[in-house]
N, C-alpha and C. Protein backbone atom coordinates (compact mmCIF):
# COMPACT_ATOMS: atom_id res chain seq x y z
N MET A 1 -19.46 2.05 68.05
CA MET A 1 -18.76 3.04 68.88
C MET A 1 -17.54 3.54 68.12
N LEU A 2 -17.37 4.85 68.08
CA LEU A 2 -16.22 5.44 67.40
C LEU A 2 -15.68 6.56 68.28
N GLU A 3 -14.61 6.29 68.98
CA GLU A 3 -14.09 7.26 69.93
C GLU A 3 -13.12 8.25 69.31
N ASP A 4 -12.57 7.90 68.15
CA ASP A 4 -11.53 8.74 67.54
C ASP A 4 -12.18 9.87 66.74
N THR A 5 -12.83 10.79 67.46
CA THR A 5 -13.54 11.89 66.82
C THR A 5 -13.23 13.19 67.54
N SER A 6 -13.56 14.28 66.89
CA SER A 6 -13.38 15.59 67.49
C SER A 6 -14.75 16.21 67.73
N PRO A 7 -15.13 16.49 69.00
CA PRO A 7 -16.42 17.16 69.23
C PRO A 7 -16.44 18.51 68.51
N PHE A 8 -17.54 18.81 67.86
CA PHE A 8 -17.61 20.04 67.08
C PHE A 8 -18.89 20.80 67.38
N LEU A 9 -20.03 20.27 66.97
CA LEU A 9 -21.32 20.87 67.27
C LEU A 9 -21.99 19.96 68.30
N ILE A 10 -22.05 20.40 69.53
CA ILE A 10 -22.46 19.55 70.64
C ILE A 10 -23.92 19.77 70.95
N GLY A 11 -24.72 18.71 70.79
CA GLY A 11 -26.14 18.79 71.04
C GLY A 11 -26.55 18.00 72.26
N LYS A 12 -27.77 18.23 72.71
CA LYS A 12 -28.28 17.53 73.87
C LYS A 12 -28.45 16.03 73.59
N ARG A 13 -28.94 15.71 72.40
CA ARG A 13 -29.15 14.31 72.04
C ARG A 13 -28.26 13.87 70.88
N VAL A 14 -28.01 14.81 69.96
CA VAL A 14 -27.22 14.54 68.76
C VAL A 14 -26.04 15.50 68.74
N SER A 15 -24.86 14.99 68.44
CA SER A 15 -23.70 15.85 68.23
C SER A 15 -23.14 15.59 66.84
N LEU A 16 -22.63 16.64 66.23
CA LEU A 16 -22.02 16.55 64.90
C LEU A 16 -20.52 16.73 65.10
N ASN A 17 -19.79 15.64 64.88
CA ASN A 17 -18.37 15.62 65.20
C ASN A 17 -17.52 15.51 63.95
N GLY A 18 -16.34 16.12 64.01
CA GLY A 18 -15.36 15.92 62.95
C GLY A 18 -14.89 14.48 62.94
N LEU A 19 -14.63 13.94 61.76
CA LEU A 19 -14.16 12.56 61.62
C LEU A 19 -12.65 12.56 61.39
N LYS A 20 -11.99 11.58 61.97
CA LYS A 20 -10.57 11.39 61.76
C LYS A 20 -10.37 10.23 60.77
N PRO A 21 -9.17 10.10 60.21
CA PRO A 21 -8.95 9.04 59.20
C PRO A 21 -9.35 7.64 59.65
N SER A 22 -9.28 7.36 60.94
CA SER A 22 -9.66 6.03 61.44
C SER A 22 -11.13 5.71 61.16
N ALA A 23 -11.95 6.73 60.95
CA ALA A 23 -13.37 6.50 60.66
C ALA A 23 -13.58 5.84 59.30
N LEU A 24 -12.54 5.84 58.45
CA LEU A 24 -12.65 5.28 57.11
C LEU A 24 -12.36 3.78 57.09
N ASN A 25 -12.09 3.21 58.23
CA ASN A 25 -11.71 1.80 58.34
C ASN A 25 -12.72 0.90 57.65
N GLU A 26 -12.22 -0.09 56.90
CA GLU A 26 -13.09 -0.99 56.14
C GLU A 26 -14.02 -1.80 57.03
N ASN A 27 -13.68 -1.95 58.31
CA ASN A 27 -14.53 -2.71 59.23
C ASN A 27 -15.53 -1.82 59.98
N GLY A 28 -15.49 -0.53 59.70
CA GLY A 28 -16.35 0.41 60.41
C GLY A 28 -17.71 0.60 59.78
N GLY A 29 -18.59 1.24 60.56
CA GLY A 29 -19.95 1.47 60.09
C GLY A 29 -20.04 2.35 58.86
N TYR A 30 -19.26 3.44 58.84
CA TYR A 30 -19.31 4.37 57.72
C TYR A 30 -19.03 3.65 56.41
N TYR A 31 -18.01 2.82 56.39
CA TYR A 31 -17.67 2.07 55.18
C TYR A 31 -18.83 1.16 54.78
N ARG A 32 -19.39 0.46 55.77
CA ARG A 32 -20.48 -0.49 55.53
C ARG A 32 -21.73 0.20 54.98
N TRP A 33 -22.03 1.41 55.50
CA TRP A 33 -23.24 2.10 55.06
C TRP A 33 -23.24 2.33 53.55
N LEU A 34 -22.08 2.62 52.99
CA LEU A 34 -22.01 2.95 51.56
C LEU A 34 -22.13 1.72 50.67
N ASP A 35 -22.04 0.53 51.27
CA ASP A 35 -22.26 -0.71 50.52
C ASP A 35 -23.64 -1.30 50.78
N ASP A 36 -24.41 -0.68 51.66
CA ASP A 36 -25.74 -1.19 52.02
C ASP A 36 -26.77 -0.63 51.04
N LEU A 37 -27.13 -1.43 50.06
CA LEU A 37 -28.04 -0.96 49.00
C LEU A 37 -29.42 -0.60 49.54
N SER A 38 -29.80 -1.17 50.68
CA SER A 38 -31.11 -0.84 51.24
C SER A 38 -31.16 0.60 51.76
N LEU A 39 -29.99 1.20 52.00
CA LEU A 39 -29.94 2.61 52.43
C LEU A 39 -29.93 3.56 51.24
N ASP A 40 -29.93 3.01 50.05
CA ASP A 40 -29.75 3.82 48.85
C ASP A 40 -30.92 3.69 47.88
N LEU A 41 -32.11 3.50 48.41
CA LEU A 41 -33.27 3.32 47.55
C LEU A 41 -33.64 4.60 46.82
N TYR A 42 -33.30 5.76 47.40
CA TYR A 42 -33.76 7.03 46.84
C TYR A 42 -32.62 7.99 46.53
N SER A 43 -31.37 7.55 46.67
CA SER A 43 -30.25 8.44 46.38
C SER A 43 -29.36 7.81 45.31
N GLU A 44 -28.17 8.33 45.14
CA GLU A 44 -27.29 7.85 44.08
C GLU A 44 -25.90 7.52 44.64
N ARG A 45 -25.85 7.16 45.93
CA ARG A 45 -24.57 6.89 46.58
C ARG A 45 -23.93 5.59 46.14
N SER A 46 -24.76 4.55 45.97
CA SER A 46 -24.21 3.19 45.90
C SER A 46 -24.39 2.53 44.54
N TYR A 47 -24.20 3.30 43.48
CA TYR A 47 -24.25 2.69 42.16
C TYR A 47 -23.10 1.71 41.97
N PHE A 48 -21.97 1.99 42.62
CA PHE A 48 -20.79 1.15 42.50
C PHE A 48 -20.33 0.73 43.89
N PRO A 49 -19.66 -0.43 44.02
CA PRO A 49 -19.20 -0.87 45.34
C PRO A 49 -18.25 0.15 45.96
N ASN A 50 -18.27 0.20 47.27
CA ASN A 50 -17.37 1.09 47.99
C ASN A 50 -15.94 0.57 47.92
N SER A 51 -14.99 1.46 48.17
CA SER A 51 -13.57 1.07 48.16
C SER A 51 -12.80 2.00 49.09
N PRO A 52 -11.66 1.54 49.60
CA PRO A 52 -10.85 2.42 50.45
C PRO A 52 -10.45 3.71 49.74
N GLN A 53 -10.16 3.63 48.44
CA GLN A 53 -9.75 4.82 47.70
C GLN A 53 -10.89 5.83 47.61
N ARG A 54 -12.10 5.34 47.40
CA ARG A 54 -13.27 6.24 47.35
C ARG A 54 -13.43 6.97 48.68
N MET A 55 -13.29 6.22 49.78
CA MET A 55 -13.41 6.83 51.10
C MET A 55 -12.34 7.90 51.31
N GLU A 56 -11.11 7.57 50.94
CA GLU A 56 -10.00 8.50 51.13
C GLU A 56 -10.17 9.75 50.26
N ASP A 57 -10.60 9.58 49.02
CA ASP A 57 -10.80 10.72 48.11
C ASP A 57 -11.87 11.67 48.66
N TYR A 58 -12.96 11.11 49.16
CA TYR A 58 -14.05 11.94 49.69
C TYR A 58 -13.59 12.66 50.96
N TYR A 59 -12.91 11.92 51.82
CA TYR A 59 -12.41 12.53 53.05
C TYR A 59 -11.43 13.66 52.74
N ALA A 60 -10.62 13.47 51.69
CA ALA A 60 -9.64 14.50 51.30
C ALA A 60 -10.33 15.81 50.95
N LEU A 61 -11.53 15.75 50.38
CA LEU A 61 -12.26 16.97 50.05
C LEU A 61 -12.57 17.78 51.30
N SER A 62 -12.86 17.08 52.41
CA SER A 62 -13.13 17.80 53.66
C SER A 62 -11.85 18.42 54.21
N VAL A 63 -10.74 17.70 54.07
CA VAL A 63 -9.46 18.23 54.54
C VAL A 63 -9.08 19.48 53.73
N GLN A 64 -9.41 19.47 52.44
CA GLN A 64 -9.10 20.60 51.56
C GLN A 64 -10.14 21.72 51.67
N LYS A 65 -11.11 21.57 52.58
CA LYS A 65 -12.17 22.56 52.82
C LYS A 65 -13.05 22.78 51.61
N LYS A 66 -13.24 21.70 50.83
CA LYS A 66 -14.17 21.76 49.70
C LYS A 66 -15.56 21.26 50.10
N LEU A 67 -15.65 20.64 51.26
CA LEU A 67 -16.95 20.29 51.82
C LEU A 67 -16.79 20.19 53.33
N VAL A 68 -17.92 20.31 54.03
CA VAL A 68 -17.96 20.13 55.48
C VAL A 68 -18.54 18.74 55.72
N LEU A 69 -17.74 17.83 56.28
CA LEU A 69 -18.15 16.46 56.55
C LEU A 69 -18.15 16.25 58.06
N LEU A 70 -19.31 15.95 58.63
CA LEU A 70 -19.43 15.70 60.06
C LEU A 70 -20.16 14.39 60.31
N GLY A 71 -19.71 13.66 61.31
CA GLY A 71 -20.41 12.46 61.72
C GLY A 71 -21.56 12.82 62.63
N ILE A 72 -22.67 12.11 62.49
CA ILE A 72 -23.82 12.27 63.38
C ILE A 72 -23.64 11.25 64.51
N PHE A 73 -23.61 11.75 65.74
CA PHE A 73 -23.37 10.89 66.89
C PHE A 73 -24.51 10.99 67.90
N ASP A 74 -24.85 9.85 68.49
CA ASP A 74 -25.71 9.87 69.67
C ASP A 74 -24.84 10.40 70.80
N THR A 75 -25.20 11.55 71.35
CA THR A 75 -24.35 12.24 72.33
C THR A 75 -24.10 11.38 73.57
N ALA A 76 -25.12 10.76 74.12
CA ALA A 76 -24.98 10.01 75.37
C ALA A 76 -24.05 8.81 75.21
N ARG A 77 -24.17 8.13 74.06
CA ARG A 77 -23.40 6.90 73.87
C ARG A 77 -22.14 7.09 73.03
N ASN A 78 -21.97 8.31 72.47
CA ASN A 78 -20.86 8.58 71.55
C ASN A 78 -20.82 7.55 70.41
N THR A 79 -22.00 7.21 69.90
CA THR A 79 -22.13 6.23 68.83
C THR A 79 -22.30 6.94 67.50
N HIS A 80 -21.50 6.55 66.52
CA HIS A 80 -21.56 7.12 65.17
C HIS A 80 -22.73 6.49 64.42
N VAL A 81 -23.76 7.28 64.12
CA VAL A 81 -24.98 6.72 63.53
C VAL A 81 -25.21 7.16 62.10
N GLY A 82 -24.48 8.16 61.64
CA GLY A 82 -24.67 8.66 60.27
C GLY A 82 -23.72 9.80 59.98
N ASN A 83 -23.92 10.44 58.84
CA ASN A 83 -23.09 11.58 58.42
C ASN A 83 -23.97 12.68 57.86
N ILE A 84 -23.45 13.90 57.92
CA ILE A 84 -24.12 15.04 57.32
C ILE A 84 -23.06 15.93 56.69
N THR A 85 -23.38 16.53 55.56
CA THR A 85 -22.39 17.35 54.84
C THR A 85 -22.99 18.66 54.35
N LEU A 86 -22.14 19.62 54.17
CA LEU A 86 -22.41 20.78 53.33
C LEU A 86 -21.44 20.68 52.17
N GLN A 87 -21.99 20.66 50.96
CA GLN A 87 -21.20 20.47 49.74
C GLN A 87 -21.45 21.64 48.78
N GLU A 88 -20.74 21.59 47.66
CA GLU A 88 -20.92 22.63 46.63
C GLU A 88 -20.88 24.02 47.28
N LEU A 89 -19.87 24.24 48.10
CA LEU A 89 -19.75 25.50 48.85
C LEU A 89 -19.49 26.64 47.87
N ASP A 90 -20.42 27.55 47.81
CA ASP A 90 -20.33 28.68 46.88
C ASP A 90 -20.23 29.96 47.72
N TRP A 91 -18.99 30.43 47.90
CA TRP A 91 -18.75 31.57 48.78
C TRP A 91 -19.15 32.89 48.13
N ILE A 92 -19.26 32.92 46.80
CA ILE A 92 -19.68 34.15 46.12
C ILE A 92 -21.19 34.34 46.27
N ASN A 93 -21.95 33.29 45.95
CA ASN A 93 -23.41 33.38 46.06
C ASN A 93 -23.92 32.99 47.45
N ARG A 94 -23.01 32.61 48.32
CA ARG A 94 -23.31 32.30 49.72
C ARG A 94 -24.41 31.24 49.84
N ARG A 95 -24.13 30.09 49.21
CA ARG A 95 -25.07 28.98 49.30
C ARG A 95 -24.29 27.66 49.36
N ALA A 96 -24.98 26.62 49.82
CA ALA A 96 -24.38 25.28 49.91
C ALA A 96 -25.47 24.23 49.79
N PHE A 97 -25.06 23.04 49.42
CA PHE A 97 -25.94 21.89 49.28
C PHE A 97 -25.74 20.98 50.48
N MET A 98 -26.81 20.51 51.08
CA MET A 98 -26.73 19.62 52.24
C MET A 98 -27.04 18.18 51.86
N GLY A 99 -26.27 17.26 52.40
CA GLY A 99 -26.56 15.83 52.27
C GLY A 99 -26.51 15.18 53.64
N TYR A 100 -27.30 14.14 53.85
CA TYR A 100 -27.28 13.47 55.15
C TYR A 100 -27.68 12.00 54.99
N LEU A 101 -27.23 11.20 55.94
CA LEU A 101 -27.50 9.77 55.93
C LEU A 101 -27.50 9.24 57.37
N ILE A 102 -28.56 8.53 57.74
CA ILE A 102 -28.55 7.76 58.99
C ILE A 102 -28.25 6.33 58.58
N GLY A 103 -27.10 5.83 59.00
CA GLY A 103 -26.64 4.51 58.55
C GLY A 103 -26.99 3.37 59.50
N GLU A 104 -27.09 3.66 60.79
CA GLU A 104 -27.39 2.61 61.77
C GLU A 104 -28.90 2.50 61.94
N ARG A 105 -29.43 1.33 61.61
CA ARG A 105 -30.88 1.15 61.52
C ARG A 105 -31.63 1.46 62.82
N GLU A 106 -31.04 1.15 63.96
CA GLU A 106 -31.76 1.37 65.22
C GLU A 106 -31.99 2.85 65.51
N PHE A 107 -31.29 3.72 64.77
CA PHE A 107 -31.44 5.16 64.99
C PHE A 107 -32.31 5.81 63.90
N ALA A 108 -32.73 5.04 62.92
CA ALA A 108 -33.57 5.58 61.84
C ALA A 108 -34.98 5.84 62.36
N GLY A 109 -35.60 6.91 61.88
CA GLY A 109 -36.97 7.22 62.24
C GLY A 109 -37.16 7.72 63.66
N ARG A 110 -36.05 8.16 64.29
CA ARG A 110 -36.14 8.61 65.69
C ARG A 110 -35.77 10.08 65.85
N GLY A 111 -35.74 10.82 64.74
CA GLY A 111 -35.50 12.26 64.81
C GLY A 111 -34.05 12.69 64.72
N TYR A 112 -33.13 11.74 64.58
CA TYR A 112 -31.71 12.10 64.50
C TYR A 112 -31.40 12.91 63.24
N ALA A 113 -32.01 12.53 62.13
CA ALA A 113 -31.77 13.27 60.88
C ALA A 113 -32.29 14.70 60.99
N THR A 114 -33.50 14.86 61.54
CA THR A 114 -34.08 16.20 61.68
C THR A 114 -33.23 17.08 62.58
N GLU A 115 -32.83 16.56 63.73
CA GLU A 115 -32.00 17.36 64.65
C GLU A 115 -30.66 17.71 64.02
N SER A 116 -30.08 16.76 63.30
CA SER A 116 -28.80 17.01 62.63
C SER A 116 -28.93 18.11 61.59
N CYS A 117 -30.02 18.07 60.81
CA CYS A 117 -30.26 19.10 59.79
C CYS A 117 -30.44 20.47 60.45
N LEU A 118 -31.22 20.52 61.53
CA LEU A 118 -31.43 21.78 62.23
C LEU A 118 -30.09 22.37 62.72
N MET A 119 -29.27 21.52 63.31
CA MET A 119 -27.98 21.98 63.83
C MET A 119 -27.05 22.43 62.71
N MET A 120 -27.04 21.67 61.60
CA MET A 120 -26.16 22.02 60.48
C MET A 120 -26.64 23.29 59.79
N LEU A 121 -27.94 23.47 59.67
CA LEU A 121 -28.48 24.70 59.09
C LEU A 121 -28.10 25.90 59.96
N TYR A 122 -28.24 25.76 61.26
CA TYR A 122 -27.88 26.86 62.16
C TYR A 122 -26.40 27.21 62.01
N TYR A 123 -25.56 26.19 61.98
CA TYR A 123 -24.12 26.39 61.81
C TYR A 123 -23.82 27.03 60.45
N GLY A 124 -24.48 26.54 59.40
CA GLY A 124 -24.23 27.07 58.05
C GLY A 124 -24.65 28.52 57.91
N PHE A 125 -25.77 28.88 58.52
CA PHE A 125 -26.25 30.26 58.42
C PHE A 125 -25.50 31.22 59.34
N ASN A 126 -25.17 30.77 60.54
CA ASN A 126 -24.64 31.69 61.55
C ASN A 126 -23.13 31.66 61.71
N LYS A 127 -22.50 30.57 61.32
CA LYS A 127 -21.05 30.48 61.44
C LYS A 127 -20.35 30.60 60.09
N LEU A 128 -20.94 29.99 59.06
CA LEU A 128 -20.35 30.05 57.73
C LEU A 128 -20.94 31.17 56.88
N ASN A 129 -21.99 31.81 57.38
CA ASN A 129 -22.59 32.97 56.73
C ASN A 129 -23.21 32.69 55.37
N PHE A 130 -23.75 31.49 55.19
CA PHE A 130 -24.50 31.21 53.97
C PHE A 130 -25.87 31.88 54.06
N ASP A 131 -26.39 32.30 52.92
CA ASP A 131 -27.74 32.86 52.86
C ASP A 131 -28.77 31.80 52.46
N LYS A 132 -28.29 30.73 51.80
CA LYS A 132 -29.21 29.68 51.35
C LYS A 132 -28.52 28.33 51.48
N ILE A 133 -29.28 27.36 51.96
CA ILE A 133 -28.84 25.96 51.98
C ILE A 133 -29.97 25.15 51.36
N TRP A 134 -29.61 24.27 50.45
CA TRP A 134 -30.62 23.53 49.72
C TRP A 134 -30.23 22.06 49.62
N THR A 135 -31.19 21.24 49.21
CA THR A 135 -30.93 19.83 48.97
C THR A 135 -31.99 19.29 48.02
N THR A 136 -31.89 18.03 47.70
CA THR A 136 -32.90 17.38 46.86
C THR A 136 -33.42 16.14 47.58
N VAL A 137 -34.69 15.83 47.33
CA VAL A 137 -35.34 14.69 47.97
C VAL A 137 -36.20 14.00 46.93
N SER A 138 -36.13 12.68 46.88
CA SER A 138 -37.02 11.94 45.98
C SER A 138 -38.47 12.19 46.38
N ALA A 139 -39.31 12.43 45.39
CA ALA A 139 -40.73 12.65 45.65
C ALA A 139 -41.38 11.41 46.25
N GLU A 140 -40.73 10.24 46.12
CA GLU A 140 -41.26 8.98 46.63
C GLU A 140 -40.81 8.70 48.07
N HIS A 141 -39.86 9.48 48.57
CA HIS A 141 -39.26 9.18 49.88
C HIS A 141 -39.96 9.98 50.98
N ALA A 142 -41.05 9.43 51.47
CA ALA A 142 -41.89 10.13 52.45
C ALA A 142 -41.13 10.51 53.71
N ALA A 143 -40.26 9.61 54.21
CA ALA A 143 -39.53 9.88 55.45
C ALA A 143 -38.59 11.06 55.29
N SER A 144 -37.88 11.11 54.16
CA SER A 144 -36.94 12.20 53.93
C SER A 144 -37.66 13.53 53.69
N LEU A 145 -38.82 13.46 53.05
CA LEU A 145 -39.62 14.68 52.87
C LEU A 145 -40.08 15.23 54.21
N LYS A 146 -40.41 14.32 55.13
CA LYS A 146 -40.83 14.73 56.47
C LYS A 146 -39.67 15.39 57.21
N VAL A 147 -38.47 14.83 57.08
CA VAL A 147 -37.28 15.43 57.69
C VAL A 147 -37.07 16.84 57.15
N ALA A 148 -37.13 16.97 55.83
CA ALA A 148 -36.90 18.27 55.19
C ALA A 148 -37.91 19.30 55.68
N GLU A 149 -39.17 18.90 55.78
CA GLU A 149 -40.21 19.83 56.23
C GLU A 149 -39.97 20.25 57.69
N LYS A 150 -39.69 19.27 58.55
CA LYS A 150 -39.47 19.58 59.97
C LYS A 150 -38.22 20.45 60.17
N ALA A 151 -37.22 20.24 59.31
CA ALA A 151 -35.98 21.02 59.42
C ALA A 151 -36.15 22.44 58.88
N GLY A 152 -37.24 22.70 58.16
CA GLY A 152 -37.50 24.05 57.68
C GLY A 152 -37.20 24.30 56.22
N PHE A 153 -36.96 23.23 55.46
CA PHE A 153 -36.79 23.38 54.02
C PHE A 153 -38.16 23.57 53.36
N LYS A 154 -38.19 24.36 52.29
CA LYS A 154 -39.42 24.56 51.54
C LYS A 154 -39.21 24.07 50.10
N VAL A 155 -40.24 23.44 49.54
CA VAL A 155 -40.15 22.94 48.17
C VAL A 155 -40.05 24.12 47.21
N GLU A 156 -39.05 24.07 46.34
CA GLU A 156 -38.81 25.16 45.38
C GLU A 156 -39.00 24.73 43.94
N GLY A 157 -39.00 23.44 43.70
CA GLY A 157 -39.15 22.99 42.32
C GLY A 157 -39.17 21.48 42.23
N ARG A 158 -39.53 20.99 41.06
CA ARG A 158 -39.63 19.55 40.80
C ARG A 158 -38.87 19.22 39.53
N LEU A 159 -37.92 18.31 39.65
CA LEU A 159 -37.20 17.80 38.48
C LEU A 159 -37.93 16.52 38.05
N ARG A 160 -38.66 16.63 36.96
CA ARG A 160 -39.53 15.54 36.55
C ARG A 160 -38.74 14.37 35.99
N ALA A 161 -39.16 13.14 36.40
CA ALA A 161 -38.55 11.90 35.90
C ALA A 161 -37.02 11.97 35.95
N HIS A 162 -36.50 12.45 37.04
CA HIS A 162 -35.07 12.74 37.14
C HIS A 162 -34.25 11.55 37.62
N GLN A 163 -34.88 10.60 38.31
CA GLN A 163 -34.17 9.44 38.82
C GLN A 163 -34.74 8.17 38.21
N MET A 164 -33.83 7.22 37.98
CA MET A 164 -34.24 5.91 37.47
C MET A 164 -33.99 4.88 38.56
N ARG A 165 -35.02 4.13 38.94
CA ARG A 165 -34.88 3.06 39.92
C ARG A 165 -35.69 1.86 39.46
N ASN A 166 -35.01 0.73 39.30
CA ASN A 166 -35.69 -0.54 38.94
C ASN A 166 -36.63 -0.38 37.76
N GLY A 167 -36.15 0.32 36.73
CA GLY A 167 -36.92 0.47 35.51
C GLY A 167 -38.00 1.53 35.54
N GLN A 168 -38.10 2.27 36.64
CA GLN A 168 -39.10 3.33 36.73
C GLN A 168 -38.41 4.67 36.97
N ARG A 169 -39.02 5.73 36.45
CA ARG A 169 -38.48 7.06 36.63
C ARG A 169 -39.27 7.78 37.73
N TYR A 170 -38.54 8.56 38.54
CA TYR A 170 -39.15 9.26 39.67
C TYR A 170 -38.77 10.73 39.65
N ASP A 171 -39.66 11.56 40.18
CA ASP A 171 -39.38 12.99 40.29
C ASP A 171 -38.47 13.25 41.49
N LEU A 172 -37.69 14.30 41.37
CA LEU A 172 -36.82 14.74 42.46
C LEU A 172 -37.26 16.16 42.84
N LEU A 173 -37.47 16.39 44.13
CA LEU A 173 -37.88 17.71 44.60
C LEU A 173 -36.66 18.50 45.05
N MET A 174 -36.60 19.76 44.65
CA MET A 174 -35.57 20.67 45.14
C MET A 174 -36.16 21.44 46.31
N VAL A 175 -35.48 21.38 47.46
CA VAL A 175 -35.96 22.08 48.65
C VAL A 175 -34.86 23.00 49.16
N GLY A 176 -35.25 24.15 49.68
CA GLY A 176 -34.26 25.12 50.14
C GLY A 176 -34.69 25.85 51.39
N ALA A 177 -33.70 26.39 52.07
CA ALA A 177 -33.95 27.22 53.26
C ALA A 177 -33.17 28.52 53.08
N LEU A 178 -33.87 29.64 53.28
CA LEU A 178 -33.26 30.96 53.22
C LEU A 178 -33.00 31.46 54.63
N ARG A 179 -31.83 32.00 54.85
CA ARG A 179 -31.41 32.37 56.19
C ARG A 179 -32.44 33.22 56.95
N GLN A 180 -32.89 34.30 56.35
CA GLN A 180 -33.80 35.21 57.07
C GLN A 180 -35.09 34.53 57.46
N GLU A 181 -35.69 33.78 56.52
CA GLU A 181 -36.93 33.07 56.82
C GLU A 181 -36.70 31.99 57.87
N TRP A 182 -35.63 31.23 57.65
CA TRP A 182 -35.39 30.07 58.50
C TRP A 182 -35.10 30.46 59.95
N MET A 183 -34.36 31.52 60.14
CA MET A 183 -34.03 31.94 61.51
C MET A 183 -35.29 32.34 62.28
N VAL A 184 -36.26 32.90 61.57
CA VAL A 184 -37.54 33.25 62.21
C VAL A 184 -38.36 31.98 62.49
N ASP A 185 -38.42 31.08 61.49
CA ASP A 185 -39.26 29.89 61.59
C ASP A 185 -38.67 28.78 62.46
N ARG A 186 -37.34 28.57 62.38
CA ARG A 186 -36.73 27.41 63.02
C ARG A 186 -35.53 27.73 63.92
N GLY A 187 -35.14 28.98 63.98
CA GLY A 187 -33.96 29.35 64.75
C GLY A 187 -34.03 28.92 66.20
N ASP A 188 -35.17 29.17 66.86
CA ASP A 188 -35.32 28.82 68.27
C ASP A 188 -35.28 27.30 68.48
N VAL A 189 -35.91 26.57 67.57
CA VAL A 189 -35.92 25.10 67.66
C VAL A 189 -34.50 24.57 67.51
N ALA A 190 -33.75 25.13 66.56
CA ALA A 190 -32.36 24.69 66.35
C ALA A 190 -31.50 25.01 67.56
N ARG A 191 -31.64 26.24 68.10
CA ARG A 191 -30.85 26.61 69.27
C ARG A 191 -31.10 25.67 70.43
N ASP A 192 -32.34 25.24 70.56
CA ASP A 192 -32.70 24.35 71.67
C ASP A 192 -32.08 22.96 71.56
N ALA A 193 -31.66 22.58 70.34
CA ALA A 193 -31.04 21.27 70.15
C ALA A 193 -29.60 21.22 70.66
N PHE A 194 -28.97 22.39 70.79
CA PHE A 194 -27.57 22.45 71.19
C PHE A 194 -27.41 22.43 72.71
N SER A 195 -26.34 21.79 73.16
CA SER A 195 -25.88 21.94 74.54
C SER A 195 -24.95 23.14 74.63
N VAL A 196 -24.13 23.28 73.59
CA VAL A 196 -23.20 24.40 73.49
C VAL A 196 -23.47 25.07 72.15
N LEU A 197 -23.98 26.29 72.19
CA LEU A 197 -24.35 27.00 70.96
C LEU A 197 -23.09 27.49 70.25
N PRO A 198 -22.94 27.21 68.95
CA PRO A 198 -21.77 27.71 68.23
C PRO A 198 -21.88 29.23 68.05
N VAL A 199 -20.85 29.96 68.50
CA VAL A 199 -20.86 31.42 68.41
C VAL A 199 -19.65 31.91 67.63
C-alpha cells in the first residue's frame, strides 16, 4: 500500500499515479523490485545492486521532465504494483520510448501491464502529442510480447543476438505504435479503460 501518491490517469481497474519521494523508500516495493533478479530475466535493469542514490537520480529525471514516471496502481485497493515510463522524449521527432514493470507477483499475468500500456499510449498520443511510441521486447519473453501485441504495438525490426543472458545470446524485437494507426485500432479500447478520460 502506498498512499503518498498523486492521482493522474484514473482507470476503472488500473490507475497511473505520480510518485512522490516517499516512494523511493528502501523498505518499499519499488526499491525491492529493482533488486529482484527474477523480475529481470529479459531486461537490463538489475545488472548492479540497487541503491538510494540510483533511485534518487532516476526520480530526478522525472522532476526535470526528462521522462514521465508513473506508478501502476490497483485502483480499488490503491496498491502500487509496478511502474510505467515514457523515456527518450524527442519533441522534435515527436516520439518516445516506453518501459514498464509489474513488480508485485500477485498482479502479474492479470492484464495490468496491458491496461497500463493502453492508458499510457493514449496519454502519450493525445496529451503529449507524440506521433510514435516504441519499445523493445526480448524475442524469448512470450508474456511481454503478448502485452505488446494486445496494447497495439507492431513488430518493426529484430536486433539479432542483442542480449546476453547466462552465456547465451538472444534477439531483441523493436515494436512501435503510430498515432494514426493506433487510435483507429486501439483508441476505443484505451478510452474504455479510463474512469476519467484525460482531455
